[in-house]
Amino acid sequence: MYETATGPRTISCPYHARFLAMSAIKPRMGAREWAMLLALALLWGGSFFFVEIALDSVSPLTIVCLRVTLAAVALWCGSLLAGVRIPRDRRTWAAFAVMAVLNNVVPFSVIAWGQQQIGAALASILNATTPFLTILVAAVCLPDERITPNKVVGAVVGFFGVALVVRGNSAIHVGQDLMAQLAIVGAALSYACAGVYGRRFKRMGVDPIAVATGQVTMSSLVLPLLMLVFGSALPSTSIGPTVWMALIALGLFSTALAYILYFRLLQSAGATNLLLVTLLIPVVAAVLGVAVLGEALHPADYAGVALIGVGLLTIDGRLLITALPRL
């Protein structure tokens, strides 16, 4: 765009038009994006459950290291079989390293550490602050994801829904074990920054499978060093098959498969929409509690799920588009 005596004029540039089309996101998600979001919620909701099982026998850092290492091996095999080209330039691998720290090393480690103190239910509700933080970070860093009233209202409504879902499913003592709770909120902030930072890979033209592979590969190189620094031991060969199954599920499903979906959804729906998944994770945890542990759902749980649905649709914009067309 440039200024003339009669006002601003726009220069038609085919390359610029292609760039805008390539980097554009869908503010309102379609059926494909919603399906990926629900699948990602299932995979990541299960991760809290699997970590809770593994913590009985394995230290937090060791769990995270095994998780990303197994995911890296699986993703390299998948990339080779699918013929996906993995970039080799330093610039891309430097971006993978930043993404690894923001999206794996920091949040995985502090969540696993925090769950030693506060349990999966409270960890999941604190993790559900991610959409609030993403809205703020994206508004500062991304011109196409500015703060709008429907995003704020939807995030607040969804968060209250999360609170209702977890309220009756375990004993939650907010305020106790304060450092562990602050650590989970710090993980949520790290996820928010990762969601915003990860938008660059679409502009760089990197395939989502390649991004997932590069990210967990860099994580698998960093975490063994942290294990040495903090003296974390490898898991004993005497741990039971249930723990090994939990660790394998964490690596293959809650990490390798989950991050393929993560980066595909990030490219098409943007950081704010993507991290709505954290509002759905406590619902998945509650369903697993019913299916696996025999827990019962209460009326408040159903009300909470309804509020989460309203919050998701409000942030998506469909619910308010008729009543408040200017949002």
C-alpha atoms as a PDB file:
ATOM      1  CA  MET A   1       0.000   0.000   0.000  1.00  0.00           C
ATOM      2  CA  TYR A   2       1.219   3.551  -0.732  1.00  0.00           C
ATOM      3  CA  GLU A   3      -0.166   7.075  -0.432  1.00  0.00           C
ATOM      4  CA  THR A   4      -1.184   9.304  -3.351  1.00  0.00           C
ATOM      5  CA  ALA A   5      -2.863  12.691  -3.557  1.00  0.00           C
ATOM      6  CA  THR A   6      -6.229  10.970  -3.724  1.00  0.00           C
ATOM      7  CA  GLY A   7      -5.619   8.564  -0.849  1.00  0.00           C
ATOM      8  CA  PRO A   8      -4.079   5.147  -0.223  1.00  0.00           C
ATOM      9  CA  ARG A   9      -3.567   2.771  -3.143  1.00  0.00           C
ATOM     10  CA  THR A  10      -2.831  -0.932  -3.025  1.00  0.00           C
ATOM     11  CA  ILE A  11      -0.214  -2.556  -5.229  1.00  0.00           C
ATOM     12  CA  SER A  12      -1.399  -5.809  -6.755  1.00  0.00           C
ATOM     13  CA  CYS A  13       1.287  -8.430  -6.115  1.00  0.00           C
ATOM     14  CA  PRO A  14       0.646 -12.080  -7.024  1.00  0.00           C
ATOM     15  CA  TYR A  15       3.344 -13.309  -4.612  1.00  0.00           C
ATOM     16  CA  HIS A  16       1.874 -11.245  -1.772  1.00  0.00           C
ATOM     17  CA  ALA A  17      -1.608 -12.586  -2.543  1.00  0.00           C
ATOM     18  CA  ARG A  18      -0.316 -16.168  -2.465  1.00  0.00           C
ATOM     19  CA  PHE A  19       1.451 -15.488   0.843  1.00  0.00           C
ATOM     20  CA  LEU A  20      -1.728 -14.116   2.419  1.00  0.00           C
ATOM     21  CA  ALA A  21      -3.754 -17.077   1.175  1.00  0.00           C
ATOM     22  CA  MET A  22      -1.168 -19.525   2.475  1.00  0.00           C
ATOM     23  CA  SER A  23      -0.947 -17.920   5.930  1.00  0.00           C
ATOM     24  CA  ALA A  24      -4.691 -17.285   6.338  1.00  0.00           C
ATOM     25  CA  ILE A  25      -6.549 -19.095   9.122  1.00  0.00           C
ATOM     26  CA  LYS A  26     -10.210 -19.933   9.660  1.00  0.00           C
ATOM     27  CA  PRO A  27     -11.602 -17.812  12.532  1.00  0.00           C
ATOM     28  CA  ARG A  28     -14.614 -20.143  12.583  1.00  0.00           C
ATOM     29  CA  MET A  29     -13.785 -23.828  12.487  1.00  0.00           C
ATOM     30  CA  GLY A  30     -15.430 -26.237  10.069  1.00  0.00           C
ATOM     31  CA  ALA A  31     -16.358 -29.879  10.661  1.00  0.00           C
ATOM     32  CA  ARG A  32     -12.813 -31.052   9.907  1.00  0.00           C
ATOM     33  CA  GLU A  33     -11.260 -28.674  12.448  1.00  0.00           C
ATOM     34  CA  TRP A  34     -13.819 -29.595  15.124  1.00  0.00           C
ATOM     35  CA  ALA A  35     -13.127 -33.307  14.538  1.00  0.00           C
ATOM     36  CA  MET A  36      -9.383 -32.749  14.939  1.00  0.00           C
ATOM     37  CA  LEU A  37      -9.970 -30.654  18.070  1.00  0.00           C
ATOM     38  CA  LEU A  38     -12.074 -33.399  19.680  1.00  0.00           C
ATOM     39  CA  ALA A  39      -9.522 -36.075  18.736  1.00  0.00           C
ATOM     40  CA  LEU A  40      -6.715 -33.959  20.208  1.00  0.00           C
ATOM     41  CA  ALA A  41      -8.721 -33.474  23.417  1.00  0.00           C
ATOM     42  CA  LEU A  42      -9.079 -37.242  23.718  1.00  0.00           C
ATOM     43  CA  LEU A  43      -5.359 -37.829  23.186  1.00  0.00           C
ATOM     44  CA  TRP A  44      -4.211 -35.086  25.570  1.00  0.00           C
ATOM     45  CA  GLY A  45      -6.931 -35.767  28.133  1.00  0.00           C
ATOM     46  CA  GLY A  46      -5.630 -39.311  28.318  1.00  0.00           C
ATOM     47  CA  SER A  47      -2.100 -38.004  28.950  1.00  0.00           C
ATOM     48  CA  PHE A  48      -3.039 -36.749  32.443  1.00  0.00           C
ATOM     49  CA  PHE A  49      -4.428 -40.203  33.171  1.00  0.00           C
ATOM     50  CA  PHE A  50      -1.309 -41.990  31.852  1.00  0.00           C
ATOM     51  CA  VAL A  51       1.062 -39.676  33.752  1.00  0.00           C
ATOM     52  CA  GLU A  52      -0.868 -40.341  36.963  1.00  0.00           C
ATOM     53  CA  ILE A  53      -0.302 -44.093  36.460  1.00  0.00           C
ATOM     54  CA  ALA A  54       3.396 -43.741  35.582  1.00  0.00           C
ATOM     55  CA  LEU A  55       4.202 -41.452  38.536  1.00  0.00           C
ATOM     56  CA  ASP A  56       3.776 -44.400  40.892  1.00  0.00           C
ATOM     57  CA  SER A  57       7.028 -45.903  39.574  1.00  0.00           C
ATOM     58  CA  VAL A  58       8.866 -43.322  37.430  1.00  0.00           C
ATOM     59  CA  SER A  59      10.196 -39.798  38.135  1.00  0.00           C
ATOM     60  CA  PRO A  60       8.612 -36.825  36.288  1.00  0.00           C
ATOM     61  CA  LEU A  61      11.648 -36.000  34.121  1.00  0.00           C
ATOM     62  CA  THR A  62      12.109 -39.638  33.172  1.00  0.00           C
ATOM     63  CA  ILE A  63       8.455 -39.893  32.129  1.00  0.00           C
ATOM     64  CA  VAL A  64       8.811 -36.827  29.908  1.00  0.00           C
ATOM     65  CA  CYS A  65      12.109 -38.030  28.412  1.00  0.00           C
ATOM     66  CA  LEU A  66      10.721 -41.467  27.567  1.00  0.00           C
ATOM     67  CA  ARG A  67       7.559 -39.851  26.208  1.00  0.00           C
ATOM     68  CA  VAL A  68       9.291 -37.602  23.671  1.00  0.00           C
ATOM     69  CA  THR A  69      11.988 -40.137  22.753  1.00  0.00           C
ATOM     70  CA  LEU A  70       9.417 -42.786  21.874  1.00  0.00           C
ATOM     71  CA  ALA A  71       7.393 -40.159  19.976  1.00  0.00           C
ATOM     72  CA  ALA A  72      10.505 -39.055  18.044  1.00  0.00           C
ATOM     73  CA  VAL A  73      11.284 -42.629  16.940  1.00  0.00           C
ATOM     74  CA  ALA A  74       7.660 -43.179  15.891  1.00  0.00           C
ATOM     75  CA  LEU A  75       7.490 -39.885  13.967  1.00  0.00           C
ATOM     76  CA  TRP A  76      10.792 -40.474  12.127  1.00  0.00           C
ATOM     77  CA  CYS A  77       9.542 -43.901  11.040  1.00  0.00           C
ATOM     78  CA  GLY A  78       6.202 -42.415  10.004  1.00  0.00           C
ATOM     79  CA  SER A  79       7.886 -39.564   8.108  1.00  0.00           C
ATOM     80  CA  LEU A  80      10.106 -41.956   6.169  1.00  0.00           C
ATOM     81  CA  LEU A  81       7.211 -44.247   5.302  1.00  0.00           C
ATOM     82  CA  ALA A  82       5.036 -41.296   4.222  1.00  0.00           C
ATOM     83  CA  GLY A  83       7.827 -39.707   2.196  1.00  0.00           C
ATOM     84  CA  VAL A  84       7.709 -36.481   4.222  1.00  0.00           C
ATOM     85  CA  ARG A  85      10.769 -34.299   3.692  1.00  0.00           C
ATOM     86  CA  ILE A  86      12.408 -33.198   6.950  1.00  0.00           C
ATOM     87  CA  PRO A  87      14.197 -29.818   6.531  1.00  0.00           C
ATOM     88  CA  ARG A  88      17.948 -29.723   7.168  1.00  0.00           C
ATOM     89  CA  ASP A  89      18.680 -26.002   7.353  1.00  0.00           C
ATOM     90  CA  ARG A  90      19.804 -24.434  10.619  1.00  0.00           C
ATOM     91  CA  ARG A  91      17.063 -21.792  10.648  1.00  0.00           C
ATOM     92  CA  THR A  92      14.290 -24.386  10.673  1.00  0.00           C
ATOM     93  CA  TRP A  93      15.994 -26.558  13.288  1.00  0.00           C
ATOM     94  CA  ALA A  94      16.538 -23.505  15.488  1.00  0.00           C
ATOM     95  CA  ALA A  95      12.774 -22.910  15.273  1.00  0.00           C
ATOM     96  CA  PHE A  96      12.190 -26.584  16.138  1.00  0.00           C
ATOM     97  CA  ALA A  97      14.386 -26.108  19.217  1.00  0.00           C
ATOM     98  CA  VAL A  98      12.381 -23.093  20.416  1.00  0.00           C
ATOM     99  CA  MET A  99       9.141 -24.992  19.822  1.00  0.00           C
ATOM    100  CA  ALA A 100      10.503 -27.988  21.715  1.00  0.00           C
ATOM    101  CA  VAL A 101      11.259 -25.888  24.780  1.00  0.00           C
ATOM    102  CA  LEU A 102       7.919 -24.054  24.721  1.00  0.00           C
ATOM    103  CA  ASN A 103       5.689 -26.992  23.779  1.00  0.00           C
ATOM    104  CA  ASN A 104       7.418 -30.023  25.346  1.00  0.00           C
ATOM    105  CA  VAL A 105      10.329 -29.507  27.707  1.00  0.00           C
ATOM    106  CA  VAL A 106       8.840 -26.808  29.952  1.00  0.00           C
ATOM    107  CA  PRO A 107       5.130 -27.772  30.076  1.00  0.00           C
ATOM    108  CA  PHE A 108       5.601 -31.557  30.134  1.00  0.00           C
ATOM    109  CA  SER A 109       8.186 -31.348  32.920  1.00  0.00           C
ATOM    110  CA  VAL A 110       6.356 -28.922  35.197  1.00  0.00           C
ATOM    111  CA  ILE A 111       2.969 -30.633  34.714  1.00  0.00           C
ATOM    112  CA  ALA A 112       4.463 -34.022  35.604  1.00  0.00           C
ATOM    113  CA  TRP A 113       6.184 -32.434  38.619  1.00  0.00           C
ATOM    114  CA  GLY A 114       3.035 -30.591  39.641  1.00  0.00           C
ATOM    115  CA  GLN A 115       0.920 -33.756  39.469  1.00  0.00           C
ATOM    116  CA  GLN A 116       3.031 -35.190  42.270  1.00  0.00           C
ATOM    117  CA  GLN A 117       1.455 -32.546  44.502  1.00  0.00           C
ATOM    118  CA  ILE A 118      -2.038 -31.792  43.227  1.00  0.00           C
ATOM    119  CA  GLY A 119      -3.415 -34.651  41.086  1.00  0.00           C
ATOM    120  CA  ALA A 120      -4.807 -34.814  37.572  1.00  0.00           C
ATOM    121  CA  ALA A 121      -8.151 -33.062  38.132  1.00  0.00           C
ATOM    122  CA  LEU A 122      -6.782 -29.807  39.513  1.00  0.00           C
ATOM    123  CA  ALA A 123      -3.896 -29.932  37.021  1.00  0.00           C
ATOM    124  CA  SER A 124      -6.397 -30.115  34.164  1.00  0.00           C
ATOM    125  CA  ILE A 125      -8.452 -27.161  35.416  1.00  0.00           C
ATOM    126  CA  LEU A 126      -5.344 -25.008  35.851  1.00  0.00           C
ATOM    127  CA  ASN A 127      -4.212 -26.092  32.386  1.00  0.00           C
ATOM    128  CA  ALA A 128      -7.592 -24.830  31.114  1.00  0.00           C
ATOM    129  CA  THR A 129      -6.327 -21.261  31.653  1.00  0.00           C
ATOM    130  CA  THR A 130      -4.433 -21.749  28.370  1.00  0.00           C
ATOM    131  CA  PRO A 131      -7.147 -20.188  26.130  1.00  0.00           C
ATOM    132  CA  PHE A 132      -7.185 -17.005  28.276  1.00  0.00           C
ATOM    133  CA  LEU A 133      -3.421 -16.695  28.027  1.00  0.00           C
ATOM    134  CA  THR A 134      -3.425 -17.547  24.319  1.00  0.00           C
ATOM    135  CA  ILE A 135      -5.971 -14.816  23.591  1.00  0.00           C
ATOM    136  CA  LEU A 136      -3.663 -12.287  25.283  1.00  0.00           C
ATOM    137  CA  VAL A 137      -0.410 -13.513  23.710  1.00  0.00           C
ATOM    138  CA  ALA A 138      -1.968 -13.874  20.242  1.00  0.00           C
ATOM    139  CA  ALA A 139      -3.484 -10.382  20.455  1.00  0.00           C
ATOM    140  CA  VAL A 140      -0.024  -8.933  21.059  1.00  0.00           C
ATOM    141  CA  CYS A 141       1.849 -11.022  18.485  1.00  0.00           C
ATOM    142  CA  LEU A 142      -0.623 -11.963  15.733  1.00  0.00           C
ATOM    143  CA  PRO A 143      -2.549  -9.298  13.801  1.00  0.00           C
ATOM    144  CA  ASP A 144      -5.162 -11.803  12.594  1.00  0.00           C
ATOM    145  CA  GLU A 145      -6.013 -13.105  16.101  1.00  0.00           C
ATOM    146  CA  ARG A 146      -6.931  -9.914  17.940  1.00  0.00           C
ATOM    147  CA  ILE A 147      -8.995  -9.859  21.120  1.00  0.00           C
ATOM    148  CA  THR A 148     -12.735  -9.781  20.453  1.00  0.00           C
ATOM    149  CA  PRO A 149     -15.637  -9.775  22.942  1.00  0.00           C
ATOM    150  CA  ASN A 150     -16.822 -13.222  21.873  1.00  0.00           C
ATOM    151  CA  LYS A 151     -13.384 -14.704  22.603  1.00  0.00           C
ATOM    152  CA  VAL A 152     -13.300 -13.235  26.100  1.00  0.00           C
ATOM    153  CA  VAL A 153     -16.903 -14.204  26.914  1.00  0.00           C
ATOM    154  CA  GLY A 154     -16.455 -17.695  25.474  1.00  0.00           C
ATOM    155  CA  ALA A 155     -13.243 -18.327  27.407  1.00  0.00           C
ATOM    156  CA  VAL A 156     -14.825 -17.222  30.692  1.00  0.00           C
ATOM    157  CA  VAL A 157     -17.951 -19.355  30.143  1.00  0.00           C
ATOM    158  CA  GLY A 158     -15.851 -22.356  29.138  1.00  0.00           C
ATOM    159  CA  PHE A 159     -13.592 -22.006  32.171  1.00  0.00           C
ATOM    160  CA  PHE A 160     -16.583 -22.003  34.524  1.00  0.00           C
ATOM    161  CA  GLY A 161     -17.783 -25.126  32.742  1.00  0.00           C
ATOM    162  CA  VAL A 162     -14.418 -26.774  33.403  1.00  0.00           C
ATOM    163  CA  ALA A 163     -14.701 -25.815  37.074  1.00  0.00           C
ATOM    164  CA  LEU A 164     -18.115 -27.482  37.299  1.00  0.00           C
ATOM    165  CA  VAL A 165     -16.886 -30.663  35.625  1.00  0.00           C
ATOM    166  CA  VAL A 166     -13.945 -31.205  37.971  1.00  0.00           C
ATOM    167  CA  ARG A 167     -15.622 -29.924  41.144  1.00  0.00           C
ATOM    168  CA  GLY A 168     -17.400 -33.152  41.999  1.00  0.00           C
ATOM    169  CA  ASN A 169     -14.844 -35.630  40.687  1.00  0.00           C
ATOM    170  CA  SER A 170     -12.031 -35.224  43.209  1.00  0.00           C
ATOM    171  CA  ALA A 171     -11.015 -33.310  46.271  1.00  0.00           C
ATOM    172  CA  ILE A 172      -9.641 -29.994  45.015  1.00  0.00           C
ATOM    173  CA  HIS A 173      -7.897 -27.672  47.432  1.00  0.00           C
ATOM    174  CA  VAL A 174      -7.073 -24.498  45.554  1.00  0.00           C
ATOM    175  CA  GLY A 175      -4.444 -22.555  47.468  1.00  0.00           C
ATOM    176  CA  GLN A 176      -2.666 -25.570  48.938  1.00  0.00           C
ATOM    177  CA  ASP A 177       0.523 -26.726  47.210  1.00  0.00           C
ATOM    178  CA  LEU A 178       0.743 -23.243  45.724  1.00  0.00           C
ATOM    179  CA  MET A 179       4.067 -23.777  43.922  1.00  0.00           C
ATOM    180  CA  ALA A 180       2.713 -26.819  42.082  1.00  0.00           C
ATOM    181  CA  GLN A 181      -0.387 -24.862  41.036  1.00  0.00           C
ATOM    182  CA  LEU A 182       1.698 -21.924  39.811  1.00  0.00           C
ATOM    183  CA  ALA A 183       3.861 -24.389  37.870  1.00  0.00           C
ATOM    184  CA  ILE A 184       0.799 -25.679  35.989  1.00  0.00           C
ATOM    185  CA  VAL A 185      -0.252 -22.108  35.169  1.00  0.00           C
ATOM    186  CA  GLY A 186       3.316 -21.523  33.940  1.00  0.00           C
ATOM    187  CA  ALA A 187       2.919 -24.569  31.694  1.00  0.00           C
ATOM    188  CA  ALA A 188      -0.313 -23.074  30.335  1.00  0.00           C
ATOM    189  CA  LEU A 189       1.559 -19.845  29.511  1.00  0.00           C
ATOM    190  CA  SER A 190       4.266 -21.873  27.786  1.00  0.00           C
ATOM    191  CA  TYR A 191       1.617 -23.659  25.701  1.00  0.00           C
ATOM    192  CA  ALA A 192       0.100 -20.290  24.779  1.00  0.00           C
ATOM    193  CA  CYS A 193       3.465 -18.956  23.594  1.00  0.00           C
ATOM    194  CA  ALA A 194       4.096 -22.185  21.668  1.00  0.00           C
ATOM    195  CA  GLY A 195       0.767 -21.897  19.879  1.00  0.00           C
ATOM    196  CA  VAL A 196       1.604 -18.378  18.753  1.00  0.00           C
ATOM    197  CA  TYR A 197       5.231 -19.181  17.858  1.00  0.00           C
ATOM    198  CA  GLY A 198       4.211 -22.292  15.917  1.00  0.00           C
ATOM    199  CA  ARG A 199       2.238 -20.227  13.393  1.00  0.00           C
ATOM    200  CA  ARG A 200       5.541 -19.448  11.640  1.00  0.00           C
ATOM    201  CA  PHE A 201       5.976 -22.984  10.309  1.00  0.00           C
ATOM    202  CA  LYS A 202       3.103 -22.526   7.871  1.00  0.00           C
ATOM    203  CA  ARG A 203       4.784 -19.405   6.486  1.00  0.00           C
ATOM    204  CA  MET A 204       8.033 -21.375   6.237  1.00  0.00           C
ATOM    205  CA  GLY A 205       6.230 -24.076   4.228  1.00  0.00           C
ATOM    206  CA  VAL A 206       7.115 -26.923   6.632  1.00  0.00           C
ATOM    207  CA  ASP A 207       4.811 -29.947   6.626  1.00  0.00           C
ATOM    208  CA  PRO A 208       2.966 -30.510   9.961  1.00  0.00           C
ATOM    209  CA  ILE A 209       4.413 -34.032  10.273  1.00  0.00           C
ATOM    210  CA  ALA A 210       7.910 -32.605   9.756  1.00  0.00           C
ATOM    211  CA  VAL A 211       7.276 -29.945  12.429  1.00  0.00           C
ATOM    212  CA  ALA A 212       6.049 -32.559  14.906  1.00  0.00           C
ATOM    213  CA  THR A 213       9.073 -34.742  14.135  1.00  0.00           C
ATOM    214  CA  GLY A 214      11.566 -31.895  14.491  1.00  0.00           C
ATOM    215  CA  GLN A 215      10.004 -30.618  17.705  1.00  0.00           C
ATOM    216  CA  VAL A 216      10.018 -33.923  19.598  1.00  0.00           C
ATOM    217  CA  THR A 217      13.474 -34.777  18.209  1.00  0.00           C
ATOM    218  CA  MET A 218      14.917 -31.612  19.741  1.00  0.00           C
ATOM    219  CA  SER A 219      13.054 -32.373  22.972  1.00  0.00           C
ATOM    220  CA  SER A 220      14.539 -35.862  23.066  1.00  0.00           C
ATOM    221  CA  LEU A 221      18.028 -34.305  22.842  1.00  0.00           C
ATOM    222  CA  VAL A 222      17.453 -31.724  25.599  1.00  0.00           C
ATOM    223  CA  LEU A 223      15.687 -33.856  28.207  1.00  0.00           C
ATOM    224  CA  PRO A 224      18.458 -36.448  28.785  1.00  0.00           C
ATOM    225  CA  LEU A 225      20.746 -33.530  29.682  1.00  0.00           C
ATOM    226  CA  LEU A 226      18.188 -32.312  32.228  1.00  0.00           C
ATOM    227  CA  MET A 227      17.964 -35.843  33.636  1.00  0.00           C
ATOM    228  CA  LEU A 228      21.732 -35.807  34.199  1.00  0.00           C
ATOM    229  CA  VAL A 229      21.612 -32.363  35.825  1.00  0.00           C
ATOM    230  CA  PHE A 230      18.793 -33.283  38.216  1.00  0.00           C
ATOM    231  CA  GLY A 231      19.897 -36.880  38.799  1.00  0.00           C
ATOM    232  CA  SER A 232      16.777 -38.564  37.437  1.00  0.00           C
ATOM    233  CA  ALA A 233      17.182 -42.314  37.074  1.00  0.00           C
ATOM    234  CA  LEU A 234      15.999 -44.527  34.260  1.00  0.00           C
ATOM    235  CA  PRO A 235      12.929 -46.642  35.085  1.00  0.00           C
ATOM    236  CA  SER A 236      13.581 -49.946  36.799  1.00  0.00           C
ATOM    237  CA  THR A 237      13.071 -53.108  34.773  1.00  0.00           C
ATOM    238  CA  SER A 238      10.863 -54.334  37.615  1.00  0.00           C
ATOM    239  CA  ILE A 239       8.050 -51.836  36.992  1.00  0.00           C
ATOM    240  CA  GLY A 240       4.763 -53.432  36.063  1.00  0.00           C
ATOM    241  CA  PRO A 241       3.240 -53.830  32.591  1.00  0.00           C
ATOM    242  CA  THR A 242       0.542 -51.263  33.386  1.00  0.00           C
ATOM    243  CA  VAL A 243       3.184 -48.538  33.810  1.00  0.00           C
ATOM    244  CA  TRP A 244       4.957 -49.561  30.600  1.00  0.00           C
ATOM    245  CA  MET A 245       1.655 -49.494  28.727  1.00  0.00           C
ATOM    246  CA  ALA A 246       0.983 -45.993  30.106  1.00  0.00           C
ATOM    247  CA  LEU A 247       4.434 -44.808  28.962  1.00  0.00           C
ATOM    248  CA  ILE A 248       3.976 -46.302  25.486  1.00  0.00           C
ATOM    249  CA  ALA A 249       0.518 -44.724  25.170  1.00  0.00           C
ATOM    250  CA  LEU A 250       1.988 -41.364  26.234  1.00  0.00           C
ATOM    251  CA  GLY A 251       4.658 -41.559  23.544  1.00  0.00           C
ATOM    252  CA  LEU A 252       2.719 -42.983  20.610  1.00  0.00           C
ATOM    253  CA  PHE A 253      -0.746 -41.522  21.072  1.00  0.00           C
ATOM    254  CA  SER A 254      -0.611 -38.530  23.450  1.00  0.00           C
ATOM    255  CA  THR A 255       2.578 -37.171  21.821  1.00  0.00           C
ATOM    256  CA  ALA A 256       3.382 -38.498  18.324  1.00  0.00           C
ATOM    257  CA  LEU A 257      -0.162 -38.693  16.950  1.00  0.00           C
ATOM    258  CA  ALA A 258      -1.338 -35.719  19.021  1.00  0.00           C
ATOM    259  CA  TYR A 259       1.293 -33.364  17.617  1.00  0.00           C
ATOM    260  CA  ILE A 260       0.502 -34.283  14.024  1.00  0.00           C
ATOM    261  CA  LEU A 261      -3.075 -33.164  14.732  1.00  0.00           C
ATOM    262  CA  TYR A 262      -1.796 -30.160  16.717  1.00  0.00           C
ATOM    263  CA  PHE A 263       0.238 -28.685  13.867  1.00  0.00           C
ATOM    264  CA  ARG A 264      -2.397 -29.417  11.240  1.00  0.00           C
ATOM    265  CA  LEU A 265      -5.014 -27.654  13.342  1.00  0.00           C
ATOM    266  CA  LEU A 266      -2.655 -24.778  14.149  1.00  0.00           C
ATOM    267  CA  GLN A 267      -2.117 -24.143  10.436  1.00  0.00           C
ATOM    268  CA  SER A 268      -5.803 -24.104   9.558  1.00  0.00           C
ATOM    269  CA  ALA A 269      -7.539 -22.705  12.665  1.00  0.00           C
ATOM    270  CA  GLY A 270      -4.922 -20.589  14.453  1.00  0.00           C
ATOM    271  CA  ALA A 271      -3.512 -20.537  17.984  1.00  0.00           C
ATOM    272  CA  THR A 272      -6.621 -19.344  19.842  1.00  0.00           C
ATOM    273  CA  ASN A 273      -8.950 -21.941  18.319  1.00  0.00           C
ATOM    274  CA  LEU A 274      -6.371 -24.704  18.677  1.00  0.00           C
ATOM    275  CA  LEU A 275      -5.856 -24.234  22.402  1.00  0.00           C
ATOM    276  CA  LEU A 276      -9.570 -24.454  23.094  1.00  0.00           C
ATOM    277  CA  VAL A 277      -8.623 -28.117  23.423  1.00  0.00           C
ATOM    278  CA  THR A 278      -7.595 -27.410  27.014  1.00  0.00           C
ATOM    279  CA  LEU A 279     -11.243 -26.692  27.877  1.00  0.00           C
ATOM    280  CA  LEU A 280     -12.193 -30.156  26.623  1.00  0.00           C
ATOM    281  CA  ILE A 281      -9.414 -32.069  28.396  1.00  0.00           C
ATOM    282  CA  PRO A 282     -11.144 -32.111  31.837  1.00  0.00           C
ATOM    283  CA  VAL A 283     -14.256 -33.545  30.169  1.00  0.00           C
ATOM    284  CA  VAL A 284     -12.129 -36.363  28.758  1.00  0.00           C
ATOM    285  CA  ALA A 285     -10.596 -36.901  32.215  1.00  0.00           C
ATOM    286  CA  ALA A 286     -14.083 -37.126  33.740  1.00  0.00           C
ATOM    287  CA  VAL A 287     -15.217 -39.629  31.082  1.00  0.00           C
ATOM    288  CA  LEU A 288     -12.104 -41.753  31.704  1.00  0.00           C
ATOM    289  CA  GLY A 289     -12.883 -41.643  35.422  1.00  0.00           C
ATOM    290  CA  VAL A 290     -16.348 -43.032  34.718  1.00  0.00           C
ATOM    291  CA  ALA A 291     -15.217 -45.637  32.172  1.00  0.00           C
ATOM    292  CA  VAL A 292     -12.047 -46.870  33.872  1.00  0.00           C
ATOM    293  CA  LEU A 293     -12.387 -46.050  37.565  1.00  0.00           C
ATOM    294  CA  GLY A 294     -16.135 -46.512  37.907  1.00  0.00           C
ATOM    295  CA  GLU A 295     -16.785 -42.951  39.049  1.00  0.00           C
ATOM    296  CA  ALA A 296     -20.287 -41.459  38.784  1.00  0.00           C
ATOM    297  CA  LEU A 297     -21.272 -38.260  36.968  1.00  0.00           C
ATOM    298  CA  HIS A 298     -23.318 -35.661  38.847  1.00  0.00           C
ATOM    299  CA  PRO A 299     -25.826 -33.089  37.538  1.00  0.00           C
ATOM    300  CA  ALA A 300     -23.124 -30.411  37.861  1.00  0.00           C
ATOM    301  CA  ASP A 301     -20.957 -32.396  35.440  1.00  0.00           C
ATOM    302  CA  TYR A 302     -23.592 -32.279  32.723  1.00  0.00           C
ATOM    303  CA  ALA A 303     -24.123 -28.554  33.351  1.00  0.00           C
ATOM    304  CA  GLY A 304     -20.377 -28.035  33.100  1.00  0.00           C
ATOM    305  CA  VAL A 305     -20.177 -29.863  29.774  1.00  0.00           C
ATOM    306  CA  ALA A 306     -23.037 -27.700  28.475  1.00  0.00           C
ATOM    307  CA  LEU A 307     -21.198 -24.525  29.545  1.00  0.00           C
ATOM    308  CA  ILE A 308     -18.008 -25.707  27.868  1.00  0.00           C
ATOM    309  CA  GLY A 309     -19.962 -26.275  24.651  1.00  0.00           C
ATOM    310  CA  VAL A 310     -21.463 -22.794  24.850  1.00  0.00           C
ATOM    311  CA  GLY A 311     -18.017 -21.311  25.513  1.00  0.00           C
ATOM    312  CA  LEU A 312     -16.464 -23.102  22.534  1.00  0.00           C
ATOM    313  CA  LEU A 313     -19.216 -21.983  20.172  1.00  0.00           C
ATOM    314  CA  THR A 314     -19.009 -18.422  21.506  1.00  0.00           C
ATOM    315  CA  ILE A 315     -15.274 -18.189  20.867  1.00  0.00           C
ATOM    316  CA  ASP A 316     -15.853 -19.745  17.441  1.00  0.00           C
ATOM    317  CA  GLY A 317     -18.329 -16.916  16.790  1.00  0.00           C
ATOM    318  CA  ARG A 318     -21.330 -18.935  15.588  1.00  0.00           C
ATOM    319  CA  LEU A 319     -23.418 -18.509  18.725  1.00  0.00           C
ATOM    320  CA  LEU A 320     -23.273 -14.696  18.788  1.00  0.00           C
ATOM    321  CA  ILE A 321     -23.149 -13.996  15.067  1.00  0.00           C
ATOM    322  CA  THR A 322     -26.891 -13.354  14.869  1.00  0.00           C
ATOM    323  CA  ALA A 323     -27.435 -11.630  18.215  1.00  0.00           C
ATOM    324  CA  LEU A 324     -24.270  -9.519  18.080  1.00  0.00           C
ATOM    325  CA  PRO A 325     -23.283  -9.244  14.425  1.00  0.00           C
ATOM    326  CA  ARG A 326     -20.516  -6.722  15.052  1.00  0.00           C
ATOM    327  CA  LEU A 327     -18.404  -8.973  17.298  1.00  0.00           C
END
